[in-house]
C-alpha atoms as a PDB file:
ATOM      1  CA  MET A   1      -0.042   0.055  -0.157  1.00  0.00           C
ATOM      2  CA  THR A   2       1.073   3.426  -0.729  1.00  0.00           C
ATOM      3  CA  ILE A   3       0.141   6.565   1.280  1.00  0.00           C
ATOM      4  CA  ILE A   4      -0.658   9.926  -0.365  1.00  0.00           C
ATOM      5  CA  VAL A   5       0.510  12.748   1.612  1.00  0.00           C
ATOM      6  CA  ALA A   6      -1.108  16.479   0.458  1.00  0.00           C
ATOM      7  CA  ASP A   7      -0.756  19.978   1.956  1.00  0.00           C
ATOM      8  CA  THR A   8      -3.227  22.642   2.108  1.00  0.00           C
ATOM      9  CA  THR A   9      -2.270  24.506  -1.143  1.00  0.00           C
ATOM     10  CA  CYS A  10      -4.126  21.698  -2.740  1.00  0.00           C
ATOM     11  CA  GLY A  11      -7.216  23.393  -2.151  1.00  0.00           C
ATOM     12  CA  LEU A  12      -9.346  20.245  -1.466  1.00  0.00           C
ATOM     13  CA  PRO A  13     -12.101  20.347   1.019  1.00  0.00           C
ATOM     14  CA  TYR A  14     -11.242  19.204   4.497  1.00  0.00           C
ATOM     15  CA  GLU A  15     -14.421  16.831   4.511  1.00  0.00           C
ATOM     16  CA  LEU A  16     -13.234  15.236   0.891  1.00  0.00           C
ATOM     17  CA  LEU A  17      -9.589  14.491   2.589  1.00  0.00           C
ATOM     18  CA  ASP A  18     -10.847  13.618   5.842  1.00  0.00           C
ATOM     19  CA  GLN A  19     -13.206  10.882   3.721  1.00  0.00           C
ATOM     20  CA  ARG A  20     -10.341   9.888   1.968  1.00  0.00           C
ATOM     21  CA  GLY A  21      -8.087   8.999   4.733  1.00  0.00           C
ATOM     22  CA  ILE A  22      -5.557  11.526   2.741  1.00  0.00           C
ATOM     23  CA  PRO A  23      -2.921  12.928   5.283  1.00  0.00           C
ATOM     24  CA  VAL A  24      -2.828  16.365   4.334  1.00  0.00           C
ATOM     25  CA  VAL A  25      -0.133  19.014   6.156  1.00  0.00           C
ATOM     26  CA  PRO A  26      -0.541  22.770   6.420  1.00  0.00           C
ATOM     27  CA  GLN A  27       1.280  25.868   5.238  1.00  0.00           C
ATOM     28  CA  VAL A  28       2.071  28.571   7.188  1.00  0.00           C
ATOM     29  CA  VAL A  29       0.771  32.050   7.374  1.00  0.00           C
ATOM     30  CA  ILE A  30       2.552  34.717   8.919  1.00  0.00           C
ATOM     31  CA  PHE A  31       1.070  38.192  10.141  1.00  0.00           C
ATOM     32  CA  GLY A  32       3.855  40.021  11.623  1.00  0.00           C
ATOM     33  CA  GLU A  33       5.312  37.916  14.743  1.00  0.00           C
ATOM     34  CA  GLU A  34       2.615  35.398  14.696  1.00  0.00           C
ATOM     35  CA  ALA A  35       2.656  32.509  12.631  1.00  0.00           C
ATOM     36  CA  TYR A  36      -0.430  30.197  11.920  1.00  0.00           C
ATOM     37  CA  HIS A  37      -1.137  27.005  10.251  1.00  0.00           C
ATOM     38  CA  ASP A  38      -3.799  27.389   7.437  1.00  0.00           C
ATOM     39  CA  ASP A  39      -5.492  24.246   9.046  1.00  0.00           C
ATOM     40  CA  GLN A  40      -9.361  23.657   9.543  1.00  0.00           C
ATOM     41  CA  GLU A  41      -8.551  26.194  12.504  1.00  0.00           C
ATOM     42  CA  PHE A  42      -7.382  29.071  10.165  1.00  0.00           C
ATOM     43  CA  ASP A  43      -9.001  28.519   6.979  1.00  0.00           C
ATOM     44  CA  THR A  44      -9.878  30.595   4.366  1.00  0.00           C
ATOM     45  CA  THR A  45     -12.815  32.386   6.048  1.00  0.00           C
ATOM     46  CA  VAL A  46     -10.574  33.212   9.317  1.00  0.00           C
ATOM     47  CA  PHE A  47      -7.593  34.629   6.970  1.00  0.00           C
ATOM     48  CA  LEU A  48      -9.904  36.347   5.012  1.00  0.00           C
ATOM     49  CA  ARG A  49     -10.956  38.374   8.099  1.00  0.00           C
ATOM     50  CA  LYS A  50      -7.443  39.160   9.702  1.00  0.00           C
ATOM     51  CA  LEU A  51      -6.653  39.899   6.069  1.00  0.00           C
ATOM     52  CA  LYS A  52      -8.927  42.856   6.035  1.00  0.00           C
ATOM     53  CA  ALA A  53      -7.924  44.060   9.360  1.00  0.00           C
ATOM     54  CA  SER A  54      -4.279  43.954   8.958  1.00  0.00           C
ATOM     55  CA  PRO A  55      -2.432  46.930   8.068  1.00  0.00           C
ATOM     56  CA  THR A  56       0.528  44.863   6.484  1.00  0.00           C
ATOM     57  CA  LEU A  57       0.492  42.068   4.090  1.00  0.00           C
ATOM     58  CA  PRO A  58       1.076  38.554   5.429  1.00  0.00           C
ATOM     59  CA  LYS A  59       3.799  36.198   4.290  1.00  0.00           C
ATOM     60  CA  THR A  60       3.781  32.393   3.802  1.00  0.00           C
ATOM     61  CA  ALA A  61       6.367  29.855   4.618  1.00  0.00           C
ATOM     62  CA  ALA A  62       6.309  25.807   3.761  1.00  0.00           C
ATOM     63  CA  PRO A  63       5.317  23.334   6.469  1.00  0.00           C
ATOM     64  CA  GLU A  64       7.952  22.612   9.092  1.00  0.00           C
ATOM     65  CA  PRO A  65       9.828  19.358   8.493  1.00  0.00           C
ATOM     66  CA  PRO A  66       8.190  17.763  11.614  1.00  0.00           C
ATOM     67  CA  LEU A  67       4.982  18.252  10.364  1.00  0.00           C
ATOM     68  CA  TYR A  68       5.594  15.116   8.158  1.00  0.00           C
ATOM     69  CA  TYR A  69       7.091  13.014  11.042  1.00  0.00           C
ATOM     70  CA  PRO A  70       3.959  11.373  12.262  1.00  0.00           C
ATOM     71  CA  ILE A  71       2.715  10.396   8.618  1.00  0.00           C
ATOM     72  CA  PHE A  72       6.089   9.068   7.661  1.00  0.00           C
ATOM     73  CA  GLU A  73       6.645   7.197  11.507  1.00  0.00           C
ATOM     74  CA  ASP A  74       3.015   5.556  10.778  1.00  0.00           C
ATOM     75  CA  ALA A  75       3.985   4.175   7.256  1.00  0.00           C
ATOM     76  CA  LYS A  76       7.245   2.959   8.473  1.00  0.00           C
ATOM     77  CA  LYS A  77       5.626   1.064  11.366  1.00  0.00           C
ATOM     78  CA  ARG A  78       3.153  -0.327   8.450  1.00  0.00           C
ATOM     79  CA  GLY A  79       5.575  -0.880   5.695  1.00  0.00           C
ATOM     80  CA  GLU A  80       4.161   1.116   3.326  1.00  0.00           C
ATOM     81  CA  SER A  81       5.665   3.391   0.966  1.00  0.00           C
ATOM     82  CA  VAL A  82       4.797   7.109   0.834  1.00  0.00           C
ATOM     83  CA  VAL A  83       4.232   9.471  -2.195  1.00  0.00           C
ATOM     84  CA  VAL A  84       4.396  13.527  -1.371  1.00  0.00           C
ATOM     85  CA  VAL A  85       2.079  15.511  -3.738  1.00  0.00           C
ATOM     86  CA  ALA A  86       4.052  18.974  -3.264  1.00  0.00           C
ATOM     87  CA  PRO A  87       3.278  22.159  -4.885  1.00  0.00           C
ATOM     88  CA  THR A  88       5.613  23.651  -7.597  1.00  0.00           C
ATOM     89  CA  SER A  89       9.182  24.218  -6.124  1.00  0.00           C
ATOM     90  CA  LYS A  90       9.555  27.621  -7.807  1.00  0.00           C
ATOM     91  CA  ALA A  91       6.934  28.721  -5.627  1.00  0.00           C
ATOM     92  CA  SER A  92       7.026  26.970  -2.167  1.00  0.00           C
ATOM     93  CA  GLY A  93       9.534  25.360   0.063  1.00  0.00           C
ATOM     94  CA  THR A  94       6.908  22.339   0.663  1.00  0.00           C
ATOM     95  CA  VAL A  95       9.317  19.998  -1.644  1.00  0.00           C
ATOM     96  CA  ARG A  96      12.530  20.587   0.441  1.00  0.00           C
ATOM     97  CA  SER A  97      10.612  20.436   3.621  1.00  0.00           C
ATOM     98  CA  ALA A  98       9.433  17.059   2.794  1.00  0.00           C
ATOM     99  CA  GLN A  99      12.718  16.013   1.297  1.00  0.00           C
ATOM    100  CA  THR A 100      14.217  17.130   4.878  1.00  0.00           C
ATOM    101  CA  ALA A 101      12.000  15.205   6.706  1.00  0.00           C
ATOM    102  CA  ALA A 102      12.063  12.243   4.647  1.00  0.00           C
ATOM    103  CA  ALA A 103      16.014  12.167   5.031  1.00  0.00           C
ATOM    104  CA  GLU A 104      15.113  11.611   9.038  1.00  0.00           C
ATOM    105  CA  PHE A 105      13.555   7.995   8.196  1.00  0.00           C
ATOM    106  CA  PRO A 106      16.453   6.058   6.287  1.00  0.00           C
ATOM    107  CA  GLY A 107      14.902   2.656   5.183  1.00  0.00           C
ATOM    108  CA  LEU A 108      11.362   4.454   4.539  1.00  0.00           C
ATOM    109  CA  ASP A 109      10.375   4.409   0.834  1.00  0.00           C
ATOM    110  CA  VAL A 110       9.139   8.354   0.265  1.00  0.00           C
ATOM    111  CA  ARG A 111       8.449   9.846  -2.852  1.00  0.00           C
ATOM    112  CA  VAL A 112       8.354  13.965  -3.032  1.00  0.00           C
ATOM    113  CA  VAL A 113       6.827  14.968  -6.332  1.00  0.00           C
ATOM    114  CA  ASP A 114       7.739  18.386  -7.557  1.00  0.00           C
ATOM    115  CA  SER A 115       3.920  19.017  -9.204  1.00  0.00           C
ATOM    116  CA  LEU A 116       4.999  22.333 -10.822  1.00  0.00           C
ATOM    117  CA  THR A 117       1.517  23.308 -10.103  1.00  0.00           C
ATOM    118  CA  ILE A 118      -0.832  24.725  -7.117  1.00  0.00           C
ATOM    119  CA  SER A 119      -4.324  24.742  -6.097  1.00  0.00           C
ATOM    120  CA  CYS A 120      -7.082  22.523  -8.162  1.00  0.00           C
ATOM    121  CA  ASN A 121      -4.770  20.927 -10.445  1.00  0.00           C
ATOM    122  CA  LEU A 122      -2.561  19.763  -7.316  1.00  0.00           C
ATOM    123  CA  GLY A 123      -6.053  18.807  -6.003  1.00  0.00           C
ATOM    124  CA  SER A 124      -6.711  16.836  -9.050  1.00  0.00           C
ATOM    125  CA  MET A 125      -3.146  15.072  -9.089  1.00  0.00           C
ATOM    126  CA  VAL A 126      -3.560  14.226  -5.352  1.00  0.00           C
ATOM    127  CA  LEU A 127      -6.820  12.613  -6.176  1.00  0.00           C
ATOM    128  CA  VAL A 128      -5.270  10.725  -8.821  1.00  0.00           C
ATOM    129  CA  ALA A 129      -2.456   9.344  -6.563  1.00  0.00           C
ATOM    130  CA  ASP A 130      -5.077   8.235  -4.225  1.00  0.00           C
ATOM    131  CA  ASP A 131      -7.182   6.417  -6.623  1.00  0.00           C
ATOM    132  CA  MET A 132      -4.225   4.576  -7.839  1.00  0.00           C
ATOM    133  CA  ALA A 133      -2.852   4.047  -4.487  1.00  0.00           C
ATOM    134  CA  LYS A 134      -6.525   2.561  -2.969  1.00  0.00           C
ATOM    135  CA  ALA A 135      -6.429   0.320  -6.583  1.00  0.00           C
ATOM    136  CA  GLY A 136      -3.076  -1.229  -5.458  1.00  0.00           C
ATOM    137  CA  ALA A 137      -0.864   0.875  -7.626  1.00  0.00           C
ATOM    138  CA  SER A 138       3.013   1.048  -6.609  1.00  0.00           C
ATOM    139  CA  ALA A 139       4.779   3.968  -5.746  1.00  0.00           C
ATOM    140  CA  ASP A 140       6.618   3.534  -8.816  1.00  0.00           C
ATOM    141  CA  GLU A 141       3.392   3.273 -10.935  1.00  0.00           C
ATOM    142  CA  ILE A 142       2.073   6.458  -8.782  1.00  0.00           C
ATOM    143  CA  VAL A 143       5.002   8.564  -9.881  1.00  0.00           C
ATOM    144  CA  ALA A 144       5.107   7.906 -13.424  1.00  0.00           C
ATOM    145  CA  ARG A 145       1.205   8.844 -13.752  1.00  0.00           C
ATOM    146  CA  LEU A 146       1.991  12.005 -12.078  1.00  0.00           C
ATOM    147  CA  ASP A 147       4.936  13.028 -13.781  1.00  0.00           C
ATOM    148  CA  GLY A 148       3.195  12.320 -16.914  1.00  0.00           C
ATOM    149  CA  MET A 149       0.196  14.506 -16.184  1.00  0.00           C
ATOM    150  CA  ILE A 150       3.194  17.620 -14.927  1.00  0.00           C
ATOM    151  CA  PRO A 151       3.316  18.787 -18.479  1.00  0.00           C
ATOM    152  CA  ARG A 152      -0.460  18.600 -19.093  1.00  0.00           C
ATOM    153  CA  GLY A 153      -1.789  20.900 -16.557  1.00  0.00           C
ATOM    154  CA  ARG A 154      -2.704  24.282 -17.450  1.00  0.00           C
ATOM    155  CA  ILE A 155      -4.099  26.935 -15.133  1.00  0.00           C
ATOM    156  CA  TYR A 156      -5.546  30.422 -15.851  1.00  0.00           C
ATOM    157  CA  PHE A 157      -6.455  32.801 -13.339  1.00  0.00           C
ATOM    158  CA  LEU A 158      -7.831  36.545 -13.046  1.00  0.00           C
ATOM    159  CA  VAL A 159      -7.037  38.757  -9.886  1.00  0.00           C
ATOM    160  CA  ASP A 160      -9.049  41.577  -8.690  1.00  0.00           C
ATOM    161  CA  THR A 161      -5.962  43.630  -7.944  1.00  0.00           C
ATOM    162  CA  LEU A 162      -2.536  42.890  -8.658  1.00  0.00           C
ATOM    163  CA  GLU A 163      -1.669  44.493  -5.029  1.00  0.00           C
ATOM    164  CA  TYR A 164      -1.073  41.205  -3.168  1.00  0.00           C
ATOM    165  CA  LEU A 165       1.200  39.365  -6.380  1.00  0.00           C
ATOM    166  CA  ALA A 166       3.364  42.668  -6.225  1.00  0.00           C
ATOM    167  CA  LYS A 167       4.036  42.774  -2.498  1.00  0.00           C
ATOM    168  CA  GLY A 168       4.729  39.249  -2.460  1.00  0.00           C
ATOM    169  CA  GLY A 169       7.159  39.523  -5.319  1.00  0.00           C
ATOM    170  CA  ARG A 170       5.474  37.369  -7.654  1.00  0.00           C
ATOM    171  CA  ILE A 171       5.399  40.433 -10.059  1.00  0.00           C
ATOM    172  CA  GLY A 172       6.938  43.446 -10.558  1.00  0.00           C
ATOM    173  CA  GLY A 173       5.772  46.540  -9.428  1.00  0.00           C
ATOM    174  CA  ALA A 174       5.948  48.411 -12.769  1.00  0.00           C
ATOM    175  CA  LYS A 175       3.468  45.779 -14.042  1.00  0.00           C
ATOM    176  CA  LYS A 176       1.375  46.475 -10.998  1.00  0.00           C
ATOM    177  CA  LEU A 177       1.450  50.272 -12.005  1.00  0.00           C
ATOM    178  CA  LEU A 178       0.693  49.879 -15.768  1.00  0.00           C
ATOM    179  CA  ALA A 179      -2.057  47.708 -15.055  1.00  0.00           C
ATOM    180  CA  GLU A 180      -3.715  50.175 -12.971  1.00  0.00           C
ATOM    181  CA  LEU A 181      -2.863  53.321 -15.050  1.00  0.00           C
ATOM    182  CA  LEU A 182      -4.320  51.373 -17.967  1.00  0.00           C
ATOM    183  CA  GLU A 183      -7.689  49.381 -16.114  1.00  0.00           C
ATOM    184  CA  ILE A 184      -6.998  46.226 -17.455  1.00  0.00           C
ATOM    185  CA  LYS A 185      -7.257  43.020 -15.776  1.00  0.00           C
ATOM    186  CA  PRO A 186      -4.646  40.532 -16.638  1.00  0.00           C
ATOM    187  CA  ILE A 187      -5.178  36.844 -17.044  1.00  0.00           C
ATOM    188  CA  LEU A 188      -2.204  34.772 -15.664  1.00  0.00           C
ATOM    189  CA  GLN A 189      -1.353  31.680 -15.923  1.00  0.00           C
ATOM    190  CA  ILE A 190       1.281  28.849 -13.873  1.00  0.00           C
ATOM    191  CA  LYS A 191       3.972  28.259 -16.473  1.00  0.00           C
ATOM    192  CA  ASP A 192       6.697  26.126 -15.983  1.00  0.00           C
ATOM    193  CA  GLY A 193       5.985  26.279 -12.057  1.00  0.00           C
ATOM    194  CA  GLN A 194       5.692  29.939 -11.748  1.00  0.00           C
ATOM    195  CA  VAL A 195       3.208  32.758 -12.303  1.00  0.00           C
ATOM    196  CA  GLU A 196       3.368  34.299 -15.564  1.00  0.00           C
ATOM    197  CA  PRO A 197       1.241  36.987 -17.410  1.00  0.00           C
ATOM    198  CA  PHE A 198      -0.825  35.327 -20.289  1.00  0.00           C
ATOM    199  CA  GLU A 199      -3.210  38.096 -21.520  1.00  0.00           C
ATOM    200  CA  GLN A 200      -4.822  41.442 -20.730  1.00  0.00           C
ATOM    201  CA  GLN A 201      -8.569  42.170 -20.921  1.00  0.00           C
ATOM    202  CA  ARG A 202     -10.056  45.543 -20.433  1.00  0.00           C
ATOM    203  CA  THR A 203     -12.987  44.272 -17.802  1.00  0.00           C
ATOM    204  CA  ARG A 204     -13.308  41.235 -15.422  1.00  0.00           C
ATOM    205  CA  LYS A 205     -16.349  40.448 -17.893  1.00  0.00           C
ATOM    206  CA  ARG A 206     -14.290  40.106 -20.687  1.00  0.00           C
ATOM    207  CA  ALA A 207     -11.542  38.245 -18.985  1.00  0.00           C
ATOM    208  CA  LEU A 208     -14.307  35.849 -17.530  1.00  0.00           C
ATOM    209  CA  ALA A 209     -15.180  35.261 -21.004  1.00  0.00           C
ATOM    210  CA  ARG A 210     -11.948  35.053 -22.246  1.00  0.00           C
ATOM    211  CA  LEU A 211     -11.100  32.086 -19.789  1.00  0.00           C
ATOM    212  CA  VAL A 212     -14.466  30.073 -21.674  1.00  0.00           C
ATOM    213  CA  GLU A 213     -12.665  30.561 -24.712  1.00  0.00           C
ATOM    214  CA  VAL A 214      -9.431  29.320 -23.619  1.00  0.00           C
ATOM    215  CA  VAL A 215     -11.007  26.110 -22.233  1.00  0.00           C
ATOM    216  CA  THR A 216     -12.782  25.551 -24.978  1.00  0.00           C
ATOM    217  CA  GLU A 217      -9.806  25.898 -27.603  1.00  0.00           C
ATOM    218  CA  GLN A 218      -7.377  23.819 -25.196  1.00  0.00           C
ATOM    219  CA  CYS A 219      -9.248  21.667 -23.145  1.00  0.00           C
ATOM    220  CA  LYS A 220     -10.422  18.230 -24.878  1.00  0.00           C
ATOM    221  CA  GLY A 221     -12.576  17.167 -22.683  1.00  0.00           C
ATOM    222  CA  GLY A 222     -13.565  13.660 -20.833  1.00  0.00           C
ATOM    223  CA  ASP A 223     -12.587  12.768 -17.321  1.00  0.00           C
ATOM    224  CA  ASP A 224      -9.200  12.835 -17.820  1.00  0.00           C
ATOM    225  CA  ALA A 225      -8.903  16.514 -18.867  1.00  0.00           C
ATOM    226  CA  HIS A 226      -9.996  16.967 -14.677  1.00  0.00           C
ATOM    227  CA  LEU A 227     -11.669  20.275 -15.315  1.00  0.00           C
ATOM    228  CA  CYS A 228     -11.762  22.467 -12.295  1.00  0.00           C
ATOM    229  CA  VAL A 229     -12.533  25.825 -11.089  1.00  0.00           C
ATOM    230  CA  LEU A 230     -10.782  27.867  -8.544  1.00  0.00           C
ATOM    231  CA  GLN A 231     -12.362  31.027  -6.751  1.00  0.00           C
ATOM    232  CA  VAL A 232     -12.244  32.872  -3.178  1.00  0.00           C
ATOM    233  CA  GLU A 233     -15.235  35.607  -2.500  1.00  0.00           C
ATOM    234  CA  ALA A 234     -16.179  34.767  -5.925  1.00  0.00           C
ATOM    235  CA  GLU A 235     -18.622  31.988  -5.393  1.00  0.00           C
ATOM    236  CA  LYS A 236     -21.390  33.223  -7.975  1.00  0.00           C
ATOM    237  CA  GLU A 237     -19.020  33.739 -10.765  1.00  0.00           C
ATOM    238  CA  ALA A 238     -17.570  30.570 -10.532  1.00  0.00           C
ATOM    239  CA  GLU A 239     -20.907  28.948 -10.364  1.00  0.00           C
ATOM    240  CA  ALA A 240     -21.506  30.434 -13.493  1.00  0.00           C
ATOM    241  CA  LEU A 241     -18.261  29.795 -15.353  1.00  0.00           C
ATOM    242  CA  ALA A 242     -18.626  26.311 -14.120  1.00  0.00           C
ATOM    243  CA  GLN A 243     -22.047  25.878 -15.833  1.00  0.00           C
ATOM    244  CA  GLU A 244     -21.292  27.656 -18.994  1.00  0.00           C
ATOM    245  CA  LEU A 245     -18.037  25.195 -19.293  1.00  0.00           C
ATOM    246  CA  LYS A 246     -20.548  22.235 -19.114  1.00  0.00           C
ATOM    247  CA  SER A 247     -22.089  23.594 -21.961  1.00  0.00           C
ATOM    248  CA  LYS A 248     -19.227  23.715 -23.797  1.00  0.00           C
ATOM    249  CA  VAL A 249     -16.585  21.055 -22.637  1.00  0.00           C
ATOM    250  CA  PHE A 250     -17.389  17.605 -22.433  1.00  0.00           C
ATOM    251  CA  VAL A 251     -16.765  16.536 -18.882  1.00  0.00           C
ATOM    252  CA  SER A 252     -19.154  14.890 -16.446  1.00  0.00           C
ATOM    253  CA  GLU A 253     -18.280  17.313 -13.283  1.00  0.00           C
ATOM    254  CA  ILE A 254     -16.408  20.561 -12.760  1.00  0.00           C
ATOM    255  CA  PRO A 255     -15.563  20.705  -9.122  1.00  0.00           C
ATOM    256  CA  ILE A 256     -15.332  24.473  -7.755  1.00  0.00           C
ATOM    257  CA  TYR A 257     -12.361  24.715  -5.106  1.00  0.00           C
ATOM    258  CA  ARG A 258     -11.814  27.447  -2.551  1.00  0.00           C
ATOM    259  CA  LEU A 259      -8.542  29.092  -2.507  1.00  0.00           C
ATOM    260  CA  PRO A 260      -6.907  28.069   0.638  1.00  0.00           C
ATOM    261  CA  PRO A 261      -4.910  30.770   2.577  1.00  0.00           C
ATOM    262  CA  ALA A 262      -1.333  30.197   1.437  1.00  0.00           C
ATOM    263  CA  ILE A 263      -2.738  30.987  -2.151  1.00  0.00           C
ATOM    264  CA  VAL A 264      -4.897  33.728  -0.946  1.00  0.00           C
ATOM    265  CA  VAL A 265      -1.814  35.633   0.885  1.00  0.00           C
ATOM    266  CA  HIS A 266      -0.897  36.109  -3.113  1.00  0.00           C
ATOM    267  CA  ALA A 267      -3.650  36.045  -5.446  1.00  0.00           C
ATOM    268  CA  GLY A 268      -5.966  38.245  -3.109  1.00  0.00           C
ATOM    269  CA  PRO A 269      -9.927  38.164  -2.488  1.00  0.00           C
ATOM    270  CA  LYS A 270     -12.026  37.794  -5.830  1.00  0.00           C
ATOM    271  CA  ALA A 271      -9.427  35.415  -7.546  1.00  0.00           C
ATOM    272  CA  MET A 272     -10.899  33.279  -9.910  1.00  0.00           C
ATOM    273  CA  GLY A 273      -9.718  30.522 -12.414  1.00  0.00           C
ATOM    274  CA  VAL A 274      -9.746  27.583 -14.220  1.00  0.00           C
ATOM    275  CA  GLY A 275      -7.525  24.565 -14.287  1.00  0.00           C
ATOM    276  CA  PHE A 276      -7.244  21.358 -16.713  1.00  0.00           C
ATOM    277  CA  PHE A 277      -4.970  19.010 -18.155  1.00  0.00           C
ATOM    278  CA  VAL A 278      -4.702  18.497 -22.065  1.00  0.00           C
END
């Protein structure tokens, strides 16, 4: 048996993770001198309330290696392998933390997969890996499947403001200023594991319409596409987007995932987007 380990950047609902028995390690959100684990006690709702009341932008940090220890200890006792499905190493230190933790357990078979993605696509990879593990697939087979998914992943998203990405160092201040002066709504993408510009639109409505066009053009459909919608404080828009996509792309289900605190720190409120695999 292989244990699949997730972390909170995957955005999967805690109820689903608990139901499947998938261990999840929390990211760290730092407000000034106070650090919080973005777990069930410090979820997106609590985080947004604190974010809006804070005069300074919070920071994020990868999970501390000891957070993995109980999971690895349990796997070692059972003689099981572990596959950690981690967010992109180009934006998070989670891969390094998991590797550091694994080094403390010699003899335990731990594979740390750098997904080169985040959010709903990372969640889709976690679910695929867990389905395979429960079906009896080996760690080698699971890692090979995930490695095959990585280059096929696409995430496109829009933010209400570039303020958070600029302050967090994910884009330059000049780009933020230019976007504000031109009153444009940029569409961003995760490319090669990091945030990159994709297109610019003059209104949020047009940007959302363009997301539909992009998915329709690029997503082949079918359940293997794992098409999903991501959002924070944009529930109605996300539901409308999912419904429209269902009418244009052949998929049986389009889950809507809420962005976790560690991602909202950079994307900001009212961010939303789409993720899928071509």
